[in-house]
Amino acid sequence: MTYVSMLFRILGSLGLFLYGMKVMSDGIQKSAGSRLQRALEFMTGNRITAIFTGFAVTAIIQSSSATTVMVVSFVNAGLLTLTQSVGVIMGANIGTTVTAWIVSLVGFTLSISSLALPAVGIGFAASFVKWKYQNLGAVFLGFGLLFLGLDFLTKSMPAQQADEWRFIASVSNLGVFSILIGTGIGLTLTLLVHSSSASTAIILTMAHNGLITYEMAAAMILGANIGTTLDAALASIGTKTAARQAAMVHILFNVIGTFWALLFFRPLLALVDWIIPGGMEEAITPHLAMLHTVFNVLNTMVFFPFVKPFARLVSMLVKDADRPVPASYKLEYKSGSMRDTPELNILRAEKEIRDMAGLVFSMYTNISAALHKAQDDPQREEEIDALVQESKRQENFADDMREELTRFLIECTRQQISRESEEHISELLRILANLEDMTDGCYGITLILERSVKKNLIFKRKEMEALVPYLDLVESFLNLVRKHLGSPLTPELAVQAEELERKIDKSRDKLKKLGRKRIESGQDVKTELLFIDLVRRIEQVGDYCYNIAELLTRR
C-alpha cells in the first residue's frame, strides 16, 4: 500500500465517519425538536443542571465543539451569563466522551458490517416513508454510515509490521518525550479535522491496530482536548466581551486540565487500569475511552467548587472593551456553525425577538408619558421634537432587527430541522412583522403629536382625560404580549387577551364618538380629526398585540 493510496483511504474513511456522525446528529435533533430547545432552559439553573445540560446536548449532537460554539453564541446574545456557561462547558467536555465509548464498545468488539449495512438499509427506507418516526430513519442511517466509515478506517490503517509503522514506532517508546509528542500530535490532528470525536476515533483505531502504544494514545487524547478549543476561539472573534470570556473559559478549562493530567500522567493511567482491569491487547480501546471519561470528570470535579472565582478570573483576563453604541442593529452569527445545532439556534432568535418587543414597549411608554403631560408643559415643543427623533431612531433600529432576524430565521430553515420547528419559525416571522408594524405605528403617533404642537392643535382636557384609560389598556396588552413571547399563552391568558381586545375596541368607539360630537358642536375640525386619527393609531397597536396573542395561543 503506497503512502498516497493509504492517505486517500484514510481521508475517505474519515469523511464517511464524519458524515455519518452529522446525519445521525441531525436526525436526533429533528426527532427531539422543541424538546431539545427547552432542555437548554436548564442552563439557567444551578451548576449541576448546567453541567447535566452540557453533557446531554453534547451527547446528542456528538460534538463538544458545536456545543461550545453554541454557548459562545448564546452568551453573546445574552441568553446565558458567563457563570452559567462555565457549567455547560464542563458538561460538554464530559458529553464528548460518549463517542469514544460507542466506538470502543461497538466498533472494535462486534462485526461492524453486520451492524452498519442493515442500519443503512433500515435508515434509508425509514427516512423516505412518511410516518410519525420518520426522523429516526436518519438516526439509523447516520449510525450505519458512522460505523461503516470506522470499519474502512480500521482497514485503511497500516498493519503493525508494515513499513509505515517504522516512523510511528520510533517516536512511541521515548518515555516522557513520547508523551509530549503524542500530546502535540493529538492537538494538531484535532485542529486539522475540527472534531475531537473524529480525532479520538482515529486514535482509538491506531491503538487497536497496534500502531501506537497505550501511553502515546493516552497523550494524544489529552492533546485532542486542547485542539477542540479552536472552534470556540474562532466563534468568539468580533463578538461581545462576554462571548470572548466564554471562549476563554473553554480554553483555560481544557489547557489547565491537560497540564495537570500530564503532571500526574502515570497515576492517571494507573487509576484507569484499576477501574478497567485486563490486558492491553484485548482492552486497549475501552481503557482509552475510560481515560477520556475519567480525565474530563476529574477535571470537572476540580473546577466545580471554583466556578464563580474561575469566572471572575476570566473576566480579569478578558476585560470589557469600550465599544460605541451601534447606530444600527447587526445580528452576529456564522452560517457555517449553525449547521451543527440548527434546532437550538431558534432559541437565540426568540431572545432577540423578545428584545424587539422590549423596544416596542419602550417606544410606547415614552409616547404615553408625553401624552400625559404634553398639554400643560410650556416646553412641550422641545420635548416632542426630542421624542420624534428618538422614535425615528428606534423605528429604524427595529427595521434593521426585522431584516437581520428574518435573514437569520430563513438561514435556520435551510438547515435540517423538524417540521414542528419550521412551523415555529413561520410563527416567529409573523410575530416579527407585527412588532415592526407596531414601531411604525408608534412613530406615526409621535408625528401626530408633533403636528398637534407645531400647528397649535391642542386637544381639550376632557378628551385627554378620556384618553388616559385607553392608553393604559393598550399598554397592558403590550406588556402581556412582551412577557409571554417565549411560551404559549395559557387558556386564562388567552381569555385575558380577548377581554383586553374587546375593551380597547369599546374605548376606541367611545373616543371616536366623543371627537365627532365635538365637531358637531362647532369645535375646531382639524383638532378633532387629529384626535380621531390619534385614537385610530393607538388602537392599531392593540390590534397587532392581538395578532401576536392569537399566534401564541395556537402553539
Protein backbone atom coordinates (compact mmCIF):
# COMPACT_ATOMS: atom_id res chain seq x y z
CA MET A 1 0.00 0.00 0.00
CA THR A 2 1.60 3.29 -1.08
CA TYR A 3 1.56 6.33 1.17
CA VAL A 4 -0.72 8.25 -1.25
CA SER A 5 -3.19 5.38 -1.51
CA MET A 6 -3.23 4.94 2.27
CA LEU A 7 -3.77 8.69 2.78
CA PHE A 8 -6.77 8.82 0.44
CA ARG A 9 -8.29 5.72 2.02
CA ILE A 10 -7.96 7.24 5.48
CA LEU A 11 -9.38 10.59 4.31
CA GLY A 12 -12.32 8.85 2.62
CA SER A 13 -12.99 6.71 5.68
CA LEU A 14 -12.80 9.76 7.94
CA GLY A 15 -15.16 11.67 5.64
CA LEU A 16 -17.70 8.85 5.79
CA PHE A 17 -17.33 8.70 9.59
CA LEU A 18 -17.89 12.47 9.97
CA TYR A 19 -20.80 12.47 7.52
CA GLY A 20 -22.44 9.62 9.40
CA MET A 21 -22.00 11.50 12.66
CA LYS A 22 -23.58 14.60 11.08
CA VAL A 23 -26.56 12.67 9.66
CA MET A 24 -27.14 10.95 13.00
CA SER A 25 -26.90 14.26 14.89
CA ASP A 26 -29.36 15.98 12.54
CA GLY A 27 -31.79 13.07 12.86
CA ILE A 28 -31.66 13.20 16.66
CA GLN A 29 -32.14 16.98 16.66
CA LYS A 30 -35.10 16.76 14.32
CA SER A 31 -36.64 13.96 16.39
CA ALA A 32 -36.19 15.93 19.61
CA GLY A 33 -37.35 19.20 18.03
CA SER A 34 -38.64 21.73 20.54
CA ARG A 35 -37.90 19.35 23.42
CA LEU A 36 -34.20 19.79 22.72
CA GLN A 37 -34.67 23.56 22.67
CA ARG A 38 -36.48 23.53 26.01
CA ALA A 39 -33.75 21.35 27.50
CA LEU A 40 -31.48 24.38 27.30
CA GLU A 41 -33.67 26.15 29.85
CA PHE A 42 -31.82 24.06 32.42
CA MET A 43 -28.77 26.15 31.65
CA THR A 44 -30.24 28.99 33.69
CA GLY A 45 -30.46 26.76 36.78
CA ASN A 46 -27.69 25.83 39.20
CA ARG A 47 -24.24 24.48 38.35
CA ILE A 48 -25.30 20.84 38.43
CA THR A 49 -28.15 21.35 35.95
CA ALA A 50 -25.81 23.40 33.73
CA ILE A 51 -23.27 20.54 33.70
CA PHE A 52 -26.01 18.00 33.00
CA THR A 53 -27.38 20.13 30.15
CA GLY A 54 -23.94 20.50 28.57
CA PHE A 55 -23.42 16.74 28.85
CA ALA A 56 -26.85 15.88 27.41
CA VAL A 57 -26.68 18.31 24.47
CA THR A 58 -23.16 17.20 23.52
CA ALA A 59 -24.07 13.52 23.81
CA ILE A 60 -26.98 14.17 21.44
CA ILE A 61 -25.23 16.28 18.82
CA GLN A 62 -21.96 14.32 19.18
CA SER A 63 -19.74 17.39 19.19
CA SER A 64 -18.35 19.35 22.12
CA SER A 65 -17.07 21.95 19.62
CA ALA A 66 -20.62 22.56 18.36
CA THR A 67 -21.89 22.87 21.93
CA THR A 68 -19.21 25.35 22.97
CA VAL A 69 -19.68 27.41 19.80
CA MET A 70 -23.38 27.48 20.61
CA VAL A 71 -22.61 28.53 24.20
CA VAL A 72 -20.40 31.38 22.94
CA SER A 73 -23.21 32.45 20.63
CA PHE A 74 -25.79 32.33 23.44
CA VAL A 75 -23.56 34.30 25.83
CA ASN A 76 -23.06 36.87 23.07
CA ALA A 77 -26.85 37.10 22.64
CA GLY A 78 -27.45 37.42 26.39
CA LEU A 79 -29.19 34.04 26.75
CA LEU A 80 -26.52 32.80 29.16
CA THR A 81 -24.32 34.50 31.73
CA LEU A 82 -20.60 33.80 31.93
CA THR A 83 -21.05 31.84 35.17
CA GLN A 84 -23.77 29.66 33.62
CA SER A 85 -21.57 29.00 30.58
CA VAL A 86 -18.81 27.55 32.79
CA GLY A 87 -21.03 24.66 33.92
CA VAL A 88 -22.30 23.98 30.41
CA ILE A 89 -18.75 23.83 29.01
CA MET A 90 -17.76 21.40 31.79
CA GLY A 91 -20.68 19.16 30.90
CA ALA A 92 -19.86 19.39 27.19
CA ASN A 93 -16.37 18.02 27.83
CA ILE A 94 -17.88 15.02 29.63
CA GLY A 95 -20.51 14.56 26.90
CA THR A 96 -17.91 14.31 24.16
CA THR A 97 -16.60 11.07 25.74
CA VAL A 98 -19.78 9.27 24.64
CA THR A 99 -18.40 8.94 21.10
CA ALA A 100 -15.27 7.24 22.39
CA TRP A 101 -17.39 4.71 24.30
CA ILE A 102 -19.60 3.99 21.29
CA VAL A 103 -16.56 3.43 19.09
CA SER A 104 -14.65 1.33 21.63
CA LEU A 105 -17.57 -0.87 22.74
CA VAL A 106 -19.23 -1.39 19.36
CA GLY A 107 -16.69 -0.51 16.70
CA PHE A 108 -13.99 -3.00 17.69
CA THR A 109 -15.86 -5.74 19.54
CA LEU A 110 -18.66 -6.57 17.08
CA SER A 111 -18.74 -7.22 13.38
CA ILE A 112 -19.23 -3.70 12.08
CA SER A 113 -20.51 -4.71 8.67
CA SER A 114 -23.20 -6.87 10.29
CA LEU A 115 -24.44 -3.74 12.11
CA ALA A 116 -23.66 -0.95 9.65
CA LEU A 117 -25.19 -2.26 6.44
CA PRO A 118 -28.57 -3.25 7.98
CA ALA A 119 -28.68 0.12 9.78
CA VAL A 120 -28.04 1.95 6.49
CA GLY A 121 -30.75 -0.07 4.75
CA ILE A 122 -33.33 0.38 7.50
CA GLY A 123 -32.47 4.05 7.93
CA PHE A 124 -32.61 4.81 4.22
CA ALA A 125 -36.03 3.15 3.86
CA ALA A 126 -37.46 4.69 7.05
CA SER A 127 -36.35 8.22 6.13
CA PHE A 128 -38.37 8.12 2.90
CA VAL A 129 -41.60 6.79 4.42
CA LYS A 130 -43.98 9.43 5.80
CA TRP A 131 -44.74 8.31 9.32
CA LYS A 132 -44.50 9.60 12.88
CA TYR A 133 -40.92 8.46 13.42
CA GLN A 134 -39.54 9.39 10.01
CA ASN A 135 -36.64 11.32 11.52
CA LEU A 136 -35.44 8.19 13.30
CA GLY A 137 -34.59 6.84 9.86
CA ALA A 138 -31.85 9.48 9.62
CA VAL A 139 -30.57 8.36 13.03
CA PHE A 140 -30.22 4.74 11.83
CA LEU A 141 -28.73 5.88 8.51
CA GLY A 142 -26.16 8.07 10.26
CA PHE A 143 -25.36 5.29 12.73
CA GLY A 144 -24.70 2.87 9.88
CA LEU A 145 -22.56 5.32 7.90
CA LEU A 146 -20.58 6.21 11.02
CA PHE A 147 -19.59 2.61 11.69
CA LEU A 148 -19.07 1.88 8.02
CA GLY A 149 -16.56 4.73 7.99
CA LEU A 150 -14.96 3.32 11.13
CA ASP A 151 -14.69 -0.11 9.50
CA PHE A 152 -12.96 1.38 6.44
CA LEU A 153 -10.73 3.46 8.72
CA THR A 154 -9.63 0.36 10.64
CA LYS A 155 -8.80 -1.49 7.42
CA SER A 156 -7.04 1.54 5.91
CA MET A 157 -4.57 1.86 8.78
CA PRO A 158 -1.27 0.05 8.11
CA ALA A 159 -0.59 -3.15 9.99
CA GLN A 160 1.94 -3.15 12.81
CA GLN A 161 4.51 -4.94 10.67
CA ALA A 162 4.13 -2.60 7.68
CA ASP A 163 6.89 -0.22 6.59
CA GLU A 164 4.70 2.76 7.50
CA TRP A 165 4.93 1.60 11.13
CA ARG A 166 8.65 2.31 11.46
CA PHE A 167 8.40 6.08 11.92
CA ILE A 168 5.49 5.85 14.37
CA ALA A 169 7.30 3.11 16.30
CA SER A 170 10.40 5.28 16.54
CA VAL A 171 8.55 8.01 18.48
CA SER A 172 6.33 5.70 20.55
CA ASN A 173 8.92 4.47 23.03
CA LEU A 174 10.81 7.59 24.05
CA GLY A 175 9.35 7.88 27.54
CA VAL A 176 8.40 11.43 28.51
CA PHE A 177 9.21 12.69 25.03
CA SER A 178 6.69 10.26 23.51
CA ILE A 179 4.03 11.63 25.84
CA LEU A 180 4.80 15.22 24.80
CA ILE A 181 4.99 14.27 21.12
CA GLY A 182 1.68 12.40 21.44
CA THR A 183 0.04 15.45 23.06
CA GLY A 184 1.22 17.63 20.18
CA ILE A 185 0.03 15.11 17.57
CA GLY A 186 -3.41 14.87 19.23
CA LEU A 187 -3.68 18.66 19.32
CA THR A 188 -2.64 19.02 15.67
CA LEU A 189 -4.91 16.20 14.49
CA THR A 190 -7.94 17.78 16.17
CA LEU A 191 -7.11 21.18 14.67
CA LEU A 192 -6.99 19.58 11.22
CA VAL A 193 -10.25 17.60 11.39
CA HIS A 194 -12.10 20.19 13.55
CA SER A 195 -13.62 17.43 15.67
CA SER A 196 -12.28 15.87 18.85
CA SER A 197 -14.75 12.99 18.34
CA ALA A 198 -13.24 12.22 14.93
CA SER A 199 -9.65 12.56 16.16
CA THR A 200 -10.47 10.30 19.13
CA ALA A 201 -11.85 7.70 16.72
CA ILE A 202 -8.62 7.86 14.70
CA ILE A 203 -6.53 7.49 17.87
CA LEU A 204 -8.59 4.50 19.02
CA THR A 205 -8.23 2.90 15.60
CA MET A 206 -4.46 3.39 15.60
CA ALA A 207 -4.22 1.92 19.10
CA HIS A 208 -6.45 -1.01 18.14
CA ASN A 209 -4.23 -1.75 15.13
CA GLY A 210 -1.12 -1.61 17.33
CA LEU A 211 0.34 1.44 15.58
CA ILE A 212 0.83 3.38 18.81
CA THR A 213 1.38 2.42 22.41
CA TYR A 214 -1.20 2.88 25.15
CA GLU A 215 0.74 5.76 26.71
CA MET A 216 1.15 7.63 23.45
CA ALA A 217 -2.54 7.13 22.58
CA ALA A 218 -3.49 8.46 26.02
CA ALA A 219 -1.29 11.53 25.46
CA MET A 220 -2.87 12.10 22.03
CA ILE A 221 -6.35 12.05 23.61
CA LEU A 222 -5.22 14.67 26.13
CA GLY A 223 -3.84 16.79 23.29
CA ALA A 224 -7.15 16.49 21.44
CA ASN A 225 -8.83 18.18 24.41
CA ILE A 226 -6.77 21.29 23.72
CA GLY A 227 -7.32 21.17 19.95
CA THR A 228 -11.09 21.15 20.35
CA THR A 229 -11.00 24.69 21.81
CA LEU A 230 -10.17 26.19 18.41
CA ASP A 231 -13.76 26.40 17.19
CA ALA A 232 -14.94 28.30 20.27
CA ALA A 233 -11.99 30.71 19.93
CA LEU A 234 -12.82 31.34 16.26
CA ALA A 235 -16.53 31.79 17.06
CA SER A 236 -15.69 34.49 19.62
CA ILE A 237 -13.80 36.72 17.17
CA GLY A 238 -15.62 40.03 16.78
CA THR A 239 -18.21 39.23 19.46
CA LYS A 240 -19.06 40.97 22.72
CA THR A 241 -16.77 40.73 25.73
CA ALA A 242 -18.94 38.13 27.49
CA ALA A 243 -18.75 35.81 24.48
CA ARG A 244 -14.96 36.11 24.30
CA GLN A 245 -14.84 35.37 28.02
CA ALA A 246 -16.91 32.20 27.47
CA ALA A 247 -14.44 31.06 24.79
CA MET A 248 -11.61 31.73 27.23
CA VAL A 249 -13.39 29.56 29.82
CA HIS A 250 -13.28 26.64 27.39
CA ILE A 251 -9.62 27.22 26.51
CA LEU A 252 -8.43 27.55 30.13
CA PHE A 253 -10.55 24.62 31.33
CA ASN A 254 -9.04 22.27 28.76
CA VAL A 255 -5.48 23.61 28.83
CA ILE A 256 -5.19 23.63 32.64
CA GLY A 257 -6.85 20.21 32.80
CA THR A 258 -4.43 18.76 30.26
CA PHE A 259 -1.49 20.31 32.13
CA TRP A 260 -2.32 18.65 35.46
CA ALA A 261 -3.16 15.38 33.69
CA LEU A 262 0.32 15.35 32.13
CA LEU A 263 1.89 16.10 35.51
CA PHE A 264 0.07 13.12 37.03
CA PHE A 265 0.14 11.04 33.86
CA ARG A 266 1.27 7.73 35.41
CA PRO A 267 -1.13 7.88 38.40
CA LEU A 268 -3.95 8.76 35.99
CA LEU A 269 -3.22 5.70 33.84
CA ALA A 270 -2.96 3.57 36.99
CA LEU A 271 -6.42 4.76 38.07
CA VAL A 272 -7.83 3.81 34.67
CA ASP A 273 -6.15 0.39 34.84
CA TRP A 274 -7.68 -0.13 38.29
CA ILE A 275 -11.18 0.76 37.01
CA ILE A 276 -10.84 -1.46 33.90
CA PRO A 277 -8.60 -4.46 34.61
CA GLY A 278 -7.34 -6.64 31.81
CA GLY A 279 -4.55 -6.78 29.28
CA MET A 280 -3.95 -4.09 26.71
CA GLU A 281 -4.17 -6.41 23.75
CA GLU A 282 -7.89 -7.08 24.18
CA ALA A 283 -8.96 -3.96 26.09
CA ILE A 284 -6.86 -1.03 24.90
CA THR A 285 -9.79 0.87 23.38
CA PRO A 286 -12.03 0.62 26.50
CA HIS A 287 -9.01 1.77 28.54
CA LEU A 288 -8.63 4.83 26.31
CA ALA A 289 -12.37 5.58 26.43
CA MET A 290 -12.25 5.33 30.22
CA LEU A 291 -9.20 7.60 30.31
CA HIS A 292 -11.12 10.18 28.27
CA THR A 293 -14.05 9.99 30.68
CA VAL A 294 -12.02 9.92 33.89
CA PHE A 295 -9.94 12.90 32.77
CA ASN A 296 -12.98 15.07 31.97
CA VAL A 297 -14.92 14.01 35.09
CA LEU A 298 -11.92 14.68 37.37
CA ASN A 299 -11.26 17.99 35.63
CA THR A 300 -14.88 18.99 36.23
CA MET A 301 -14.66 17.93 39.87
CA VAL A 302 -11.50 20.03 40.32
CA PHE A 303 -13.10 23.15 38.81
CA PHE A 304 -16.64 22.64 40.15
CA PRO A 305 -16.17 24.30 43.58
CA PHE A 306 -14.47 27.29 41.97
CA VAL A 307 -16.95 28.19 39.22
CA LYS A 308 -17.52 31.76 40.40
CA PRO A 309 -13.84 32.51 41.16
CA PHE A 310 -12.95 30.97 37.78
CA ALA A 311 -15.49 33.23 36.07
CA ARG A 312 -14.00 36.25 37.88
CA LEU A 313 -10.50 35.22 36.76
CA VAL A 314 -11.64 35.02 33.14
CA SER A 315 -13.32 38.43 33.49
CA MET A 316 -9.99 39.83 34.64
CA LEU A 317 -8.11 38.25 31.73
CA VAL A 318 -10.64 39.34 29.09
CA LYS A 319 -11.78 42.78 30.15
CA ASP A 320 -14.67 44.82 28.84
CA ALA A 321 -13.77 46.91 25.85
CA ASP A 322 -15.25 50.37 25.43
CA ARG A 323 -17.30 49.99 22.29
CA PRO A 324 -19.52 52.72 20.84
CA VAL A 325 -23.24 52.06 20.90
CA PRO A 326 -24.13 50.81 17.41
CA ALA A 327 -26.33 53.09 15.33
CA SER A 328 -27.91 50.10 13.60
CA TYR A 329 -28.75 46.55 14.60
CA LYS A 330 -26.46 43.73 13.49
CA LEU A 331 -27.04 40.09 14.40
CA GLU A 332 -23.68 38.39 14.65
CA TYR A 333 -23.63 34.75 13.59
CA LYS A 334 -21.68 32.39 11.39
CA SER A 335 -23.87 30.43 8.99
CA GLY A 336 -21.40 27.54 8.96
CA SER A 337 -21.65 26.98 12.71
CA MET A 338 -25.46 26.96 12.50
CA ARG A 339 -25.35 23.60 10.77
CA ASP A 340 -24.17 21.92 13.95
CA THR A 341 -27.13 22.97 16.11
CA PRO A 342 -29.93 24.16 13.78
CA GLU A 343 -32.77 23.41 16.21
CA LEU A 344 -31.07 25.25 19.05
CA ASN A 345 -30.45 28.46 17.09
CA ILE A 346 -34.19 29.16 17.16
CA LEU A 347 -33.78 29.95 20.86
CA ARG A 348 -31.43 32.77 20.02
CA ALA A 349 -33.94 34.21 17.54
CA GLU A 350 -36.65 34.05 20.22
CA LYS A 351 -34.44 36.01 22.62
CA GLU A 352 -33.77 38.71 20.01
CA ILE A 353 -37.50 38.95 19.26
CA ARG A 354 -38.18 39.44 22.97
CA ASP A 355 -35.63 42.27 22.88
CA MET A 356 -37.53 43.77 19.94
CA ALA A 357 -40.75 43.58 21.95
CA GLY A 358 -38.95 45.44 24.75
CA LEU A 359 -38.01 48.14 22.22
CA VAL A 360 -41.67 48.49 21.18
CA PHE A 361 -42.73 48.71 24.83
CA SER A 362 -40.15 51.45 25.43
CA MET A 363 -41.40 53.43 22.42
CA TYR A 364 -44.99 53.17 23.54
CA THR A 365 -44.38 54.13 27.20
CA ASN A 366 -42.40 57.19 26.04
CA ILE A 367 -45.36 58.23 23.90
CA SER A 368 -47.80 57.57 26.73
CA ALA A 369 -45.75 59.72 29.12
CA ALA A 370 -45.59 62.53 26.55
CA LEU A 371 -49.37 62.43 26.04
CA HIS A 372 -49.94 62.64 29.77
CA LYS A 373 -48.02 65.91 30.16
CA ALA A 374 -47.70 67.45 26.70
CA GLN A 375 -50.78 69.67 27.02
CA ASP A 376 -49.62 71.54 30.13
CA ASP A 377 -45.85 71.58 29.58
CA PRO A 378 -44.51 75.00 28.47
CA GLN A 379 -41.50 73.25 26.87
CA ARG A 380 -43.60 70.69 25.07
CA GLU A 381 -42.32 71.65 21.61
CA GLU A 382 -38.70 70.83 22.51
CA GLU A 383 -39.75 67.62 24.26
CA ILE A 384 -41.89 66.49 21.32
CA ASP A 385 -39.01 67.19 18.92
CA ALA A 386 -36.72 65.01 21.06
CA LEU A 387 -39.42 62.30 21.23
CA VAL A 388 -39.82 62.30 17.43
CA GLN A 389 -36.06 61.99 16.89
CA GLU A 390 -35.75 59.16 19.41
CA SER A 391 -38.77 57.34 17.96
CA LYS A 392 -37.33 57.67 14.47
CA ARG A 393 -34.03 56.17 15.68
CA GLN A 394 -35.87 53.29 17.40
CA GLU A 395 -38.07 52.71 14.36
CA ASN A 396 -35.01 52.48 12.08
CA PHE A 397 -33.36 50.13 14.59
CA ALA A 398 -36.49 47.93 14.57
CA ASP A 399 -36.43 47.85 10.76
CA ASP A 400 -32.85 46.58 10.91
CA MET A 401 -33.84 44.00 13.53
CA ARG A 402 -36.61 42.63 11.37
CA GLU A 403 -34.33 42.42 8.33
CA GLU A 404 -31.48 40.71 10.21
CA LEU A 405 -33.72 38.32 12.16
CA THR A 406 -35.69 37.39 9.05
CA ARG A 407 -32.41 36.53 7.31
CA PHE A 408 -31.30 34.53 10.36
CA LEU A 409 -34.57 32.56 10.58
CA ILE A 410 -34.56 31.80 6.87
CA GLU A 411 -30.99 30.52 7.28
CA CYS A 412 -32.32 28.24 10.05
CA THR A 413 -34.94 26.79 7.67
CA ARG A 414 -32.20 25.87 5.20
CA GLN A 415 -30.71 23.51 7.79
CA GLN A 416 -32.02 20.10 8.81
CA ILE A 417 -34.86 20.98 11.22
CA SER A 418 -38.13 19.29 12.14
CA ARG A 419 -41.49 20.23 10.65
CA GLU A 420 -42.56 21.49 14.07
CA SER A 421 -39.59 23.87 14.11
CA GLU A 422 -40.39 25.04 10.58
CA GLU A 423 -43.91 25.95 11.71
CA HIS A 424 -42.46 27.68 14.77
CA ILE A 425 -40.16 29.77 12.55
CA SER A 426 -43.14 30.73 10.41
CA GLU A 427 -44.89 32.00 13.57
CA LEU A 428 -41.79 33.93 14.62
CA LEU A 429 -41.63 35.65 11.23
CA ARG A 430 -45.27 36.76 11.60
CA ILE A 431 -44.56 37.99 15.14
CA LEU A 432 -41.58 39.94 13.78
CA ALA A 433 -43.80 41.58 11.16
CA ASN A 434 -46.36 42.62 13.80
CA LEU A 435 -43.69 44.04 16.11
CA GLU A 436 -42.14 46.04 13.30
CA ASP A 437 -45.61 47.33 12.35
CA MET A 438 -46.03 48.44 15.97
CA THR A 439 -42.87 50.54 15.76
CA ASP A 440 -44.20 52.14 12.58
CA GLY A 441 -47.46 52.85 14.41
CA CYS A 442 -45.65 54.34 17.42
CA TYR A 443 -43.59 56.58 15.18
CA GLY A 444 -46.80 57.65 13.42
CA ILE A 445 -48.26 58.65 16.81
CA THR A 446 -45.24 60.86 17.54
CA LEU A 447 -45.74 62.59 14.18
CA ILE A 448 -49.36 63.30 15.14
CA LEU A 449 -48.16 64.81 18.43
CA GLU A 450 -45.59 66.90 16.56
CA ARG A 451 -48.26 68.20 14.22
CA SER A 452 -50.57 68.95 17.14
CA VAL A 453 -47.94 71.04 18.93
CA LYS A 454 -46.47 72.87 15.92
CA LYS A 455 -49.86 73.78 14.45
CA ASN A 456 -51.24 74.59 17.91
CA LEU A 457 -54.00 71.97 17.53
CA ILE A 458 -54.27 71.37 21.27
CA PHE A 459 -56.61 68.63 22.49
CA LYS A 460 -59.11 69.55 25.18
CA ARG A 461 -58.61 68.44 28.77
CA LYS A 462 -61.80 66.33 28.68
CA GLU A 463 -60.50 64.42 25.65
CA MET A 464 -57.12 63.82 27.26
CA GLU A 465 -58.73 62.57 30.48
CA ALA A 466 -60.83 60.11 28.42
CA LEU A 467 -57.71 59.05 26.50
CA VAL A 468 -55.68 58.04 29.60
CA PRO A 469 -57.55 54.75 30.38
CA TYR A 470 -57.40 53.89 26.67
CA LEU A 471 -53.63 54.35 26.64
CA ASP A 472 -53.31 52.20 29.76
CA LEU A 473 -55.36 49.37 28.21
CA VAL A 474 -53.09 49.16 25.16
CA GLU A 475 -50.01 49.36 27.40
CA SER A 476 -51.33 46.45 29.49
CA PHE A 477 -51.93 44.40 26.33
CA LEU A 478 -48.45 45.17 25.01
CA ASN A 479 -46.92 44.22 28.36
CA LEU A 480 -48.82 40.91 28.41
CA VAL A 481 -47.54 40.01 24.94
CA ARG A 482 -43.98 41.09 25.77
CA LYS A 483 -43.81 38.95 28.90
CA HIS A 484 -45.12 35.76 27.24
CA LEU A 485 -43.38 35.81 23.85
CA GLY A 486 -41.24 32.79 24.72
CA SER A 487 -44.09 30.41 25.57
CA PRO A 488 -47.67 29.57 24.54
CA LEU A 489 -50.47 31.53 26.18
CA THR A 490 -52.41 29.58 28.79
CA PRO A 491 -56.23 29.44 28.41
CA GLU A 492 -56.52 32.03 31.19
CA LEU A 493 -54.13 34.42 29.43
CA ALA A 494 -55.90 33.84 26.12
CA VAL A 495 -59.18 34.90 27.76
CA GLN A 496 -57.42 37.95 29.21
CA ALA A 497 -56.15 38.88 25.74
CA GLU A 498 -59.67 38.56 24.31
CA GLU A 499 -61.02 40.80 27.07
CA LEU A 500 -58.35 43.44 26.51
CA GLU A 501 -59.08 43.47 22.78
CA ARG A 502 -62.80 43.90 23.48
CA LYS A 503 -62.22 46.75 25.94
CA ILE A 504 -59.84 48.52 23.55
CA ASP A 505 -62.37 48.34 20.71
CA LYS A 506 -65.12 49.62 23.01
CA SER A 507 -62.97 52.53 24.20
CA ARG A 508 -61.98 53.34 20.61
CA ASP A 509 -65.62 53.65 19.56
CA LYS A 510 -66.36 55.82 22.60
CA LEU A 511 -63.44 58.17 21.91
CA LYS A 512 -64.25 58.48 18.21
CA LYS A 513 -67.82 59.29 19.13
CA LEU A 514 -66.55 61.99 21.50
CA GLY A 515 -64.48 63.54 18.71
CA ARG A 516 -67.41 63.55 16.27
CA LYS A 517 -69.70 65.15 18.86
CA ARG A 518 -67.22 67.94 19.40
CA ILE A 519 -67.10 68.56 15.63
CA GLU A 520 -70.91 68.73 15.56
CA SER A 521 -70.85 71.18 18.46
CA GLY A 522 -68.66 73.59 16.49
CA GLN A 523 -65.20 72.78 17.83
CA ASP A 524 -62.12 73.06 15.57
CA VAL A 525 -62.47 70.38 12.90
CA LYS A 526 -58.72 69.94 12.32
CA THR A 527 -58.06 69.37 16.03
CA GLU A 528 -60.83 66.81 16.40
CA LEU A 529 -59.89 64.92 13.22
CA LEU A 530 -56.32 64.79 14.53
CA PHE A 531 -57.64 63.39 17.82
CA ILE A 532 -59.65 60.72 15.98
CA ASP A 533 -56.53 59.80 13.95
CA LEU A 534 -54.57 59.52 17.21
CA VAL A 535 -57.21 57.17 18.64
CA ARG A 536 -57.09 55.03 15.50
CA ARG A 537 -53.28 54.77 15.59
CA ILE A 538 -53.24 53.71 19.24
CA GLU A 539 -55.92 51.10 18.52
CA GLN A 540 -53.75 49.65 15.72
CA VAL A 541 -51.04 48.90 18.28
CA GLY A 542 -53.66 46.92 20.23
CA ASP A 543 -54.63 45.05 17.05
CA TYR A 544 -51.02 43.99 16.46
CA CYS A 545 -50.88 42.80 20.07
CA TYR A 546 -53.98 40.70 19.47
CA ASN A 547 -52.46 39.22 16.29
CA ILE A 548 -49.43 38.09 18.29
CA ALA A 549 -51.62 36.77 21.12
CA GLU A 550 -53.51 34.63 18.58
CA LEU A 551 -50.22 33.19 17.30
CA LEU A 552 -49.10 32.38 20.85
CA THR A 553 -52.47 30.75 21.60
CA ARG A 554 -52.20 28.36 18.62
CA ARG A 555 -48.93 26.77 19.82
